[in-house]
């Protein structure tokens, strides 16, 4: 989980302001909505153990890891499942 939660060196160096609006719409706005829905699911689940599957692109998992960490959660075990192939 931890190797995907931070931007890579190449991502830092490859930033292009031309695409900032696109990145905001596709990545950051969707991350914000994902965390909003996740908050609702956490409240609905209540205290105690529960399971939650997030079917989203891998790049959005950075927001999930960061958001859950800020809410006091930590990973004990993770499992990545392939949902579908694009080819």
PDB file of N, CA and C in Angstrom:
ATOM      1  N   UNK A   1       0.814  -1.181   0.000  1.00  0.00           N
ATOM      2  CA  UNK A   1       0.000   0.000   0.000  1.00  0.00           C
ATOM      3  C   UNK A   1       0.864   1.254   0.000  1.00  0.00           C
ATOM      4  N   UNK A   2       1.943   1.271   0.734  1.00  0.00           N
ATOM      5  CA  UNK A   2       2.668   2.520   0.909  1.00  0.00           C
ATOM      6  C   UNK A   2       3.430   2.971  -0.320  1.00  0.00           C
ATOM      7  N   UNK A   3       3.811   2.075  -1.215  1.00  0.00           N
ATOM      8  CA  UNK A   3       4.581   2.541  -2.365  1.00  0.00           C
ATOM      9  C   UNK A   3       3.720   3.255  -3.392  1.00  0.00           C
ATOM     10  N   UNK A   4       2.410   3.160  -3.304  1.00  0.00           N
ATOM     11  CA  UNK A   4       1.523   3.847  -4.235  1.00  0.00           C
ATOM     12  C   UNK A   4       0.871   5.089  -3.648  1.00  0.00           C
ATOM     13  N   UNK A   5       1.109   5.392  -2.385  1.00  0.00           N
ATOM     14  CA  UNK A   5       0.393   6.503  -1.784  1.00  0.00           C
ATOM     15  C   UNK A   5       1.097   7.849  -1.964  1.00  0.00           C
ATOM     16  N   UNK A   6       2.302   7.854  -2.510  1.00  0.00           N
ATOM     17  CA  UNK A   6       3.035   9.089  -2.750  1.00  0.00           C
ATOM     18  C   UNK A   6       3.360   9.230  -4.234  1.00  0.00           C
ATOM     19  N   UNK A   7       3.446  10.470  -4.683  1.00  0.00           N
ATOM     20  CA  UNK A   7       3.805  10.714  -6.078  1.00  0.00           C
ATOM     21  C   UNK A   7       5.248  10.298  -6.328  1.00  0.00           C
ATOM     22  N   UNK A   8       5.494   9.749  -7.494  1.00  0.00           N
ATOM     23  CA  UNK A   8       6.838   9.328  -7.857  1.00  0.00           C
ATOM     24  C   UNK A   8       7.680  10.545  -8.251  1.00  0.00           C
ATOM     25  N   UNK A   9       8.968  10.360  -8.343  1.00  0.00           N
ATOM     26  CA  UNK A   9       9.872  11.428  -8.781  1.00  0.00           C
ATOM     27  C   UNK A   9       9.485  11.900 -10.182  1.00  0.00           C
ATOM     28  N   UNK A  10       9.180  10.940 -11.064  1.00  0.00           N
ATOM     29  CA  UNK A  10       8.799  11.282 -12.436  1.00  0.00           C
ATOM     30  C   UNK A  10       7.516  12.110 -12.467  1.00  0.00           C
ATOM     31  N   UNK A  11       6.561  11.783 -11.601  1.00  0.00           N
ATOM     32  CA  UNK A  11       5.313  12.548 -11.558  1.00  0.00           C
ATOM     33  C   UNK A  11       5.559  13.982 -11.092  1.00  0.00           C
ATOM     34  N   UNK A  12       6.452  14.157 -10.142  1.00  0.00           N
ATOM     35  CA  UNK A  12       6.792  15.507  -9.685  1.00  0.00           C
ATOM     36  C   UNK A  12       7.456  16.313 -10.795  1.00  0.00           C
ATOM     37  N   UNK A  13       8.349  15.702 -11.528  1.00  0.00           N
ATOM     38  CA  UNK A  13       9.106  16.410 -12.559  1.00  0.00           C
ATOM     39  C   UNK A  13       8.335  16.583 -13.857  1.00  0.00           C
ATOM     40  N   UNK A  14       7.315  15.767 -14.073  1.00  0.00           N
ATOM     41  CA  UNK A  14       6.579  15.773 -15.330  1.00  0.00           C
ATOM     42  C   UNK A  14       5.334  16.660 -15.294  1.00  0.00           C
ATOM     43  N   UNK A  15       5.190  17.510 -14.290  1.00  0.00           N
ATOM     44  CA  UNK A  15       4.010  18.358 -14.155  1.00  0.00           C
ATOM     45  C   UNK A  15       3.943  19.358 -15.289  1.00  0.00           C
ATOM     46  N   UNK A  16       2.758  19.512 -15.873  1.00  0.00           N
ATOM     47  CA  UNK A  16       2.540  20.433 -16.987  1.00  0.00           C
ATOM     48  C   UNK A  16       1.302  21.267 -16.679  1.00  0.00           C
ATOM     49  N   UNK A  17       1.438  22.582 -16.528  1.00  0.00           N
ATOM     50  CA  UNK A  17       0.283  23.423 -16.173  1.00  0.00           C
ATOM     51  C   UNK A  17      -0.840  23.389 -17.212  1.00  0.00           C
ATOM     52  N   UNK A  18      -0.528  23.006 -18.432  1.00  0.00           N
ATOM     53  CA  UNK A  18      -1.544  22.907 -19.480  1.00  0.00           C
ATOM     54  C   UNK A  18      -2.639  21.921 -19.096  1.00  0.00           C
ATOM     55  N   UNK A  19      -2.277  20.871 -18.401  1.00  0.00           N
ATOM     56  CA  UNK A  19      -3.216  19.812 -18.053  1.00  0.00           C
ATOM     57  C   UNK A  19      -3.782  19.945 -16.641  1.00  0.00           C
ATOM     58  N   UNK A  20      -3.504  21.025 -15.949  1.00  0.00           N
ATOM     59  CA  UNK A  20      -3.932  21.165 -14.563  1.00  0.00           C
ATOM     60  C   UNK A  20      -5.457  21.099 -14.418  1.00  0.00           C
ATOM     61  N   UNK A  21      -6.202  21.725 -15.308  1.00  0.00           N
ATOM     62  CA  UNK A  21      -7.664  21.687 -15.238  1.00  0.00           C
ATOM     63  C   UNK A  21      -8.166  20.261 -15.436  1.00  0.00           C
ATOM     64  N   UNK A  22      -7.563  19.547 -16.372  1.00  0.00           N
ATOM     65  CA  UNK A  22      -7.929  18.160 -16.616  1.00  0.00           C
ATOM     66  C   UNK A  22      -7.646  17.305 -15.385  1.00  0.00           C
ATOM     67  N   UNK A  23      -6.474  17.469 -14.807  1.00  0.00           N
ATOM     68  CA  UNK A  23      -6.100  16.703 -13.611  1.00  0.00           C
ATOM     69  C   UNK A  23      -7.057  17.024 -12.468  1.00  0.00           C
ATOM     70  N   UNK A  24      -7.420  18.291 -12.320  1.00  0.00           N
ATOM     71  CA  UNK A  24      -8.358  18.682 -11.267  1.00  0.00           C
ATOM     72  C   UNK A  24      -9.698  17.972 -11.445  1.00  0.00           C
ATOM     73  N   UNK A  25     -10.201  17.950 -12.663  1.00  0.00           N
ATOM     74  CA  UNK A  25     -11.507  17.349 -12.923  1.00  0.00           C
ATOM     75  C   UNK A  25     -11.478  15.834 -12.796  1.00  0.00           C
ATOM     76  N   UNK A  26     -10.492  15.203 -13.369  1.00  0.00           N
ATOM     77  CA  UNK A  26     -10.452  13.746 -13.419  1.00  0.00           C
ATOM     78  C   UNK A  26      -9.938  13.124 -12.125  1.00  0.00           C
ATOM     79  N   UNK A  27      -8.953  13.724 -11.525  1.00  0.00           N
ATOM     80  CA  UNK A  27      -8.341  13.105 -10.356  1.00  0.00           C
ATOM     81  C   UNK A  27      -8.835  13.720  -9.054  1.00  0.00           C
ATOM     82  N   UNK A  28      -8.601  14.988  -8.847  1.00  0.00           N
ATOM     83  CA  UNK A  28      -8.871  15.604  -7.540  1.00  0.00           C
ATOM     84  C   UNK A  28     -10.360  15.696  -7.219  1.00  0.00           C
ATOM     85  N   UNK A  29     -11.184  16.061  -8.181  1.00  0.00           N
ATOM     86  CA  UNK A  29     -12.626  16.151  -7.926  1.00  0.00           C
ATOM     87  C   UNK A  29     -13.206  14.767  -7.617  1.00  0.00           C
ATOM     88  N   UNK A  30     -12.750  13.768  -8.328  1.00  0.00           N
ATOM     89  CA  UNK A  30     -13.224  12.401  -8.065  1.00  0.00           C
ATOM     90  C   UNK A  30     -12.715  11.897  -6.722  1.00  0.00           C
ATOM     91  N   UNK A  31     -11.483  12.257  -6.362  1.00  0.00           N
ATOM     92  CA  UNK A  31     -10.958  11.878  -5.049  1.00  0.00           C
ATOM     93  C   UNK A  31     -11.803  12.486  -3.934  1.00  0.00           C
ATOM     94  N   UNK A  32     -12.152  13.760  -4.073  1.00  0.00           N
ATOM     95  CA  UNK A  32     -12.963  14.434  -3.057  1.00  0.00           C
ATOM     96  C   UNK A  32     -14.324  13.748  -2.919  1.00  0.00           C
ATOM     97  N   UNK A  33     -14.940  13.409  -4.043  1.00  0.00           N
ATOM     98  CA  UNK A  33     -16.239  12.730  -4.009  1.00  0.00           C
ATOM     99  C   UNK A  33     -16.100  11.340  -3.403  1.00  0.00           C
ATOM    100  N   UNK A  34     -15.050  10.634  -3.753  1.00  0.00           N
ATOM    101  CA  UNK A  34     -14.799   9.309  -3.186  1.00  0.00           C
ATOM    102  C   UNK A  34     -14.689   9.378  -1.674  1.00  0.00           C
ATOM    103  N   UNK A  35     -13.934  10.340  -1.158  1.00  0.00           N
ATOM    104  CA  UNK A  35     -13.771  10.469   0.287  1.00  0.00           C
ATOM    105  C   UNK A  35     -15.080  10.876   0.964  1.00  0.00           C
ATOM    106  N   UNK A  36     -15.893  11.658   0.299  1.00  0.00           N
ATOM    107  CA  UNK A  36     -17.195  12.036   0.834  1.00  0.00           C
ATOM    108  C   UNK A  36     -18.087  10.789   0.991  1.00  0.00           C
ATOM    109  N   UNK A  37     -18.117   9.966  -0.042  1.00  0.00           N
ATOM    110  CA  UNK A  37     -18.901   8.725   0.013  1.00  0.00           C
ATOM    111  C   UNK A  37     -18.323   7.774   1.054  1.00  0.00           C
ATOM    112  N   UNK A  38     -17.008   7.685   1.111  1.00  0.00           N
ATOM    113  CA  UNK A  38     -16.338   6.827   2.085  1.00  0.00           C
ATOM    114  C   UNK A  38     -16.699   7.239   3.508  1.00  0.00           C
ATOM    115  N   UNK A  39     -16.729   8.543   3.780  1.00  0.00           N
ATOM    116  CA  UNK A  39     -17.135   9.022   5.107  1.00  0.00           C
ATOM    117  C   UNK A  39     -18.536   8.536   5.457  1.00  0.00           C
ATOM    118  N   UNK A  40     -19.451   8.625   4.502  1.00  0.00           N
ATOM    119  CA  UNK A  40     -20.814   8.147   4.734  1.00  0.00           C
ATOM    120  C   UNK A  40     -20.871   6.663   5.024  1.00  0.00           C
ATOM    121  N   UNK A  41     -20.078   5.892   4.302  1.00  0.00           N
ATOM    122  CA  UNK A  41     -20.040   4.443   4.521  1.00  0.00           C
ATOM    123  C   UNK A  41     -19.456   4.102   5.890  1.00  0.00           C
ATOM    124  N   UNK A  42     -18.447   4.841   6.311  1.00  0.00           N
ATOM    125  CA  UNK A  42     -17.842   4.604   7.622  1.00  0.00           C
ATOM    126  C   UNK A  42     -18.826   4.912   8.743  1.00  0.00           C
ATOM    127  N   UNK A  43     -19.594   5.985   8.585  1.00  0.00           N
ATOM    128  CA  UNK A  43     -20.614   6.330   9.589  1.00  0.00           C
ATOM    129  C   UNK A  43     -21.684   5.245   9.615  1.00  0.00           C
ATOM    130  N   UNK A  44     -22.138   4.802   8.452  1.00  0.00           N
ATOM    131  CA  UNK A  44     -23.185   3.776   8.367  1.00  0.00           C
ATOM    132  C   UNK A  44     -22.723   2.446   8.955  1.00  0.00           C
ATOM    133  N   UNK A  45     -21.444   2.127   8.794  1.00  0.00           N
ATOM    134  CA  UNK A  45     -20.912   0.859   9.302  1.00  0.00           C
ATOM    135  C   UNK A  45     -20.857   0.846  10.820  1.00  0.00           C
ATOM    136  N   UNK A  46     -20.672   2.011  11.425  1.00  0.00           N
ATOM    137  CA  UNK A  46     -20.590   2.080  12.878  1.00  0.00           C
ATOM    138  C   UNK A  46     -19.276   1.527  13.395  1.00  0.00           C
ATOM    139  N   UNK A  47     -19.158   1.451  14.726  1.00  0.00           N
ATOM    140  CA  UNK A  47     -17.905   0.947  15.316  1.00  0.00           C
ATOM    141  C   UNK A  47     -17.760  -0.556  15.096  1.00  0.00           C
ATOM    142  N   UNK A  48     -16.550  -1.009  15.188  1.00  0.00           N
ATOM    143  CA  UNK A  48     -16.295  -2.431  15.046  1.00  0.00           C
ATOM    144  C   UNK A  48     -15.818  -2.784  13.658  1.00  0.00           C
ATOM    145  N   UNK A  49     -15.407  -4.032  13.491  1.00  0.00           N
ATOM    146  CA  UNK A  49     -14.880  -4.480  12.201  1.00  0.00           C
ATOM    147  C   UNK A  49     -15.941  -4.441  11.104  1.00  0.00           C
ATOM    148  N   UNK A  50     -15.501  -4.104   9.925  1.00  0.00           N
ATOM    149  CA  UNK A  50     -16.364  -4.153   8.751  1.00  0.00           C
ATOM    150  C   UNK A  50     -15.476  -4.302   7.529  1.00  0.00           C
ATOM    151  N   UNK A  51     -16.092  -4.619   6.399  1.00  0.00           N
ATOM    152  CA  UNK A  51     -15.345  -4.775   5.150  1.00  0.00           C
ATOM    153  C   UNK A  51     -15.925  -3.812   4.134  1.00  0.00           C
ATOM    154  N   UNK A  52     -15.044  -3.248   3.333  1.00  0.00           N
ATOM    155  CA  UNK A  52     -15.459  -2.297   2.323  1.00  0.00           C
ATOM    156  C   UNK A  52     -14.571  -2.483   1.103  1.00  0.00           C
ATOM    157  N   UNK A  53     -15.178  -2.613  -0.052  1.00  0.00           N
ATOM    158  CA  UNK A  53     -14.425  -2.725  -1.301  1.00  0.00           C
ATOM    159  C   UNK A  53     -14.547  -1.398  -2.045  1.00  0.00           C
ATOM    160  N   UNK A  54     -13.441  -0.906  -2.556  1.00  0.00           N
ATOM    161  CA  UNK A  54     -13.428   0.321  -3.337  1.00  0.00           C
ATOM    162  C   UNK A  54     -12.988  -0.035  -4.741  1.00  0.00           C
ATOM    163  N   UNK A  55     -13.904   0.096  -5.688  1.00  0.00           N
ATOM    164  CA  UNK A  55     -13.608  -0.215  -7.080  1.00  0.00           C
ATOM    165  C   UNK A  55     -13.380   1.116  -7.789  1.00  0.00           C
ATOM    166  N   UNK A  56     -12.148   1.500  -7.867  1.00  0.00           N
ATOM    167  CA  UNK A  56     -11.729   2.776  -8.437  1.00  0.00           C
ATOM    168  C   UNK A  56     -10.368   2.554  -9.060  1.00  0.00           C
ATOM    169  N   UNK A  57      -9.915   3.468  -9.859  1.00  0.00           N
ATOM    170  CA  UNK A  57      -8.588   3.351 -10.439  1.00  0.00           C
ATOM    171  C   UNK A  57      -7.504   3.404  -9.366  1.00  0.00           C
ATOM    172  N   UNK A  58      -6.415   2.734  -9.632  1.00  0.00           N
ATOM    173  CA  UNK A  58      -5.337   2.635  -8.654  1.00  0.00           C
ATOM    174  C   UNK A  58      -4.783   3.997  -8.251  1.00  0.00           C
ATOM    175  N   UNK A  59      -4.782   4.943  -9.148  1.00  0.00           N
ATOM    176  CA  UNK A  59      -4.230   6.261  -8.835  1.00  0.00           C
ATOM    177  C   UNK A  59      -5.048   6.978  -7.757  1.00  0.00           C
ATOM    178  N   UNK A  60      -6.322   6.630  -7.639  1.00  0.00           N
ATOM    179  CA  UNK A  60      -7.176   7.241  -6.622  1.00  0.00           C
ATOM    180  C   UNK A  60      -6.915   6.666  -5.234  1.00  0.00           C
ATOM    181  N   UNK A  61      -6.205   5.554  -5.153  1.00  0.00           N
ATOM    182  CA  UNK A  61      -5.961   4.938  -3.850  1.00  0.00           C
ATOM    183  C   UNK A  61      -5.068   5.805  -2.969  1.00  0.00           C
ATOM    184  N   UNK A  62      -4.297   6.689  -3.561  1.00  0.00           N
ATOM    185  CA  UNK A  62      -3.510   7.623  -2.754  1.00  0.00           C
ATOM    186  C   UNK A  62      -4.429   8.456  -1.877  1.00  0.00           C
ATOM    187  N   UNK A  63      -5.522   8.927  -2.452  1.00  0.00           N
ATOM    188  CA  UNK A  63      -6.485   9.729  -1.688  1.00  0.00           C
ATOM    189  C   UNK A  63      -7.143   8.882  -0.605  1.00  0.00           C
ATOM    190  N   UNK A  64      -7.443   7.630  -0.914  1.00  0.00           N
ATOM    191  CA  UNK A  64      -8.060   6.745   0.073  1.00  0.00           C
ATOM    192  C   UNK A  64      -7.105   6.505   1.237  1.00  0.00           C
ATOM    193  N   UNK A  65      -5.870   6.164   0.944  1.00  0.00           N
ATOM    194  CA  UNK A  65      -4.877   5.910   1.998  1.00  0.00           C
ATOM    195  C   UNK A  65      -4.690   7.156   2.855  1.00  0.00           C
ATOM    196  N   UNK A  66      -4.520   8.290   2.212  1.00  0.00           N
ATOM    197  CA  UNK A  66      -4.334   9.542   2.946  1.00  0.00           C
ATOM    198  C   UNK A  66      -5.569   9.887   3.767  1.00  0.00           C
ATOM    199  N   UNK A  67      -6.747   9.783   3.161  1.00  0.00           N
ATOM    200  CA  UNK A  67      -7.988  10.107   3.861  1.00  0.00           C
ATOM    201  C   UNK A  67      -8.243   9.209   5.050  1.00  0.00           C
ATOM    202  N   UNK A  68      -8.033   7.922   4.890  1.00  0.00           N
ATOM    203  CA  UNK A  68      -8.233   7.006   6.006  1.00  0.00           C
ATOM    204  C   UNK A  68      -7.201   7.223   7.108  1.00  0.00           C
ATOM    205  N   UNK A  69      -5.961   7.499   6.738  1.00  0.00           N
ATOM    206  CA  UNK A  69      -4.919   7.781   7.734  1.00  0.00           C
ATOM    207  C   UNK A  69      -5.283   9.005   8.568  1.00  0.00           C
ATOM    208  N   UNK A  70      -5.784  10.047   7.915  1.00  0.00           N
ATOM    209  CA  UNK A  70      -6.191  11.264   8.626  1.00  0.00           C
ATOM    210  C   UNK A  70      -7.364  11.013   9.558  1.00  0.00           C
ATOM    211  N   UNK A  71      -8.129   9.970   9.286  1.00  0.00           N
ATOM    212  CA  UNK A  71      -9.276   9.624  10.116  1.00  0.00           C
ATOM    213  C   UNK A  71      -8.919   8.604  11.194  1.00  0.00           C
ATOM    214  N   UNK A  72      -7.622   8.309  11.329  1.00  0.00           N
ATOM    215  CA  UNK A  72      -7.154   7.428  12.395  1.00  0.00           C
ATOM    216  C   UNK A  72      -7.076   5.955  12.037  1.00  0.00           C
ATOM    217  N   UNK A  73      -7.309   5.601  10.791  1.00  0.00           N
ATOM    218  CA  UNK A  73      -7.227   4.198  10.373  1.00  0.00           C
ATOM    219  C   UNK A  73      -5.803   3.870   9.934  1.00  0.00           C
ATOM    220  N   UNK A  74      -5.479   2.587   9.983  1.00  0.00           N
ATOM    221  CA  UNK A  74      -4.204   2.117   9.442  1.00  0.00           C
ATOM    222  C   UNK A  74      -4.427   0.739   8.825  1.00  0.00           C
ATOM    223  N   UNK A  75      -3.579   0.404   7.885  1.00  0.00           N
ATOM    224  CA  UNK A  75      -3.717  -0.869   7.179  1.00  0.00           C
ATOM    225  C   UNK A  75      -3.123  -1.998   8.004  1.00  0.00           C
ATOM    226  N   UNK A  76      -3.897  -3.039   8.187  1.00  0.00           N
ATOM    227  CA  UNK A  76      -3.384  -4.256   8.800  1.00  0.00           C
ATOM    228  C   UNK A  76      -3.079  -5.282   7.722  1.00  0.00           C
ATOM    229  N   UNK A  77      -3.910  -5.280   6.693  1.00  0.00           N
ATOM    230  CA  UNK A  77      -3.739  -6.208   5.578  1.00  0.00           C
ATOM    231  C   UNK A  77      -4.449  -5.593   4.379  1.00  0.00           C
ATOM    232  N   UNK A  78      -3.861  -5.724   3.224  1.00  0.00           N
ATOM    233  CA  UNK A  78      -4.514  -5.239   2.009  1.00  0.00           C
ATOM    234  C   UNK A  78      -4.559  -6.357   0.989  1.00  0.00           C
ATOM    235  N   UNK A  79      -5.509  -6.255   0.104  1.00  0.00           N
ATOM    236  CA  UNK A  79      -5.643  -7.242  -0.961  1.00  0.00           C
ATOM    237  C   UNK A  79      -6.101  -6.512  -2.219  1.00  0.00           C
ATOM    238  N   UNK A  80      -5.308  -6.624  -3.259  1.00  0.00           N
ATOM    239  CA  UNK A  80      -5.657  -6.006  -4.539  1.00  0.00           C
ATOM    240  C   UNK A  80      -6.268  -7.069  -5.423  1.00  0.00           C
ATOM    241  N   UNK A  81      -7.430  -6.779  -5.986  1.00  0.00           N
ATOM    242  CA  UNK A  81      -8.110  -7.697  -6.874  1.00  0.00           C
ATOM    243  C   UNK A  81      -8.285  -7.045  -8.236  1.00  0.00           C
ATOM    244  N   UNK A  82      -8.019  -7.780  -9.297  1.00  0.00           N
ATOM    245  CA  UNK A  82      -8.253  -7.260 -10.640  1.00  0.00           C
ATOM    246  C   UNK A  82      -9.739  -7.401 -10.945  1.00  0.00           C
ATOM    247  N   UNK A  83     -10.385  -6.294 -11.248  1.00  0.00           N
ATOM    248  CA  UNK A  83     -11.815  -6.298 -11.518  1.00  0.00           C
ATOM    249  C   UNK A  83     -12.089  -6.600 -12.986  1.00  0.00           C
ATOM    250  N   UNK A  84     -11.293  -6.008 -13.894  1.00  0.00           N
ATOM    251  CA  UNK A  84     -11.464  -6.254 -15.314  1.00  0.00           C
ATOM    252  C   UNK A  84     -10.186  -5.898 -16.058  1.00  0.00           C
ATOM    253  N   UNK A  85     -10.057  -6.433 -17.274  1.00  0.00           N
ATOM    254  CA  UNK A  85      -8.947  -6.104 -18.168  1.00  0.00           C
ATOM    255  C   UNK A  85      -9.438  -5.123 -19.210  1.00  0.00           C
ATOM    256  N   UNK A  86      -8.548  -4.260 -19.671  1.00  0.00           N
ATOM    257  CA  UNK A  86      -8.913  -3.284 -20.692  1.00  0.00           C
ATOM    258  C   UNK A  86      -8.555  -3.742 -22.109  1.00  0.00           C
ATOM    259  N   UNK A  87      -7.983  -4.895 -22.258  1.00  0.00           N
ATOM    260  CA  UNK A  87      -7.611  -5.347 -23.609  1.00  0.00           C
ATOM    261  C   UNK A  87      -8.321  -6.607 -23.974  1.00  0.00           C
TER     262      UNK A  87
END
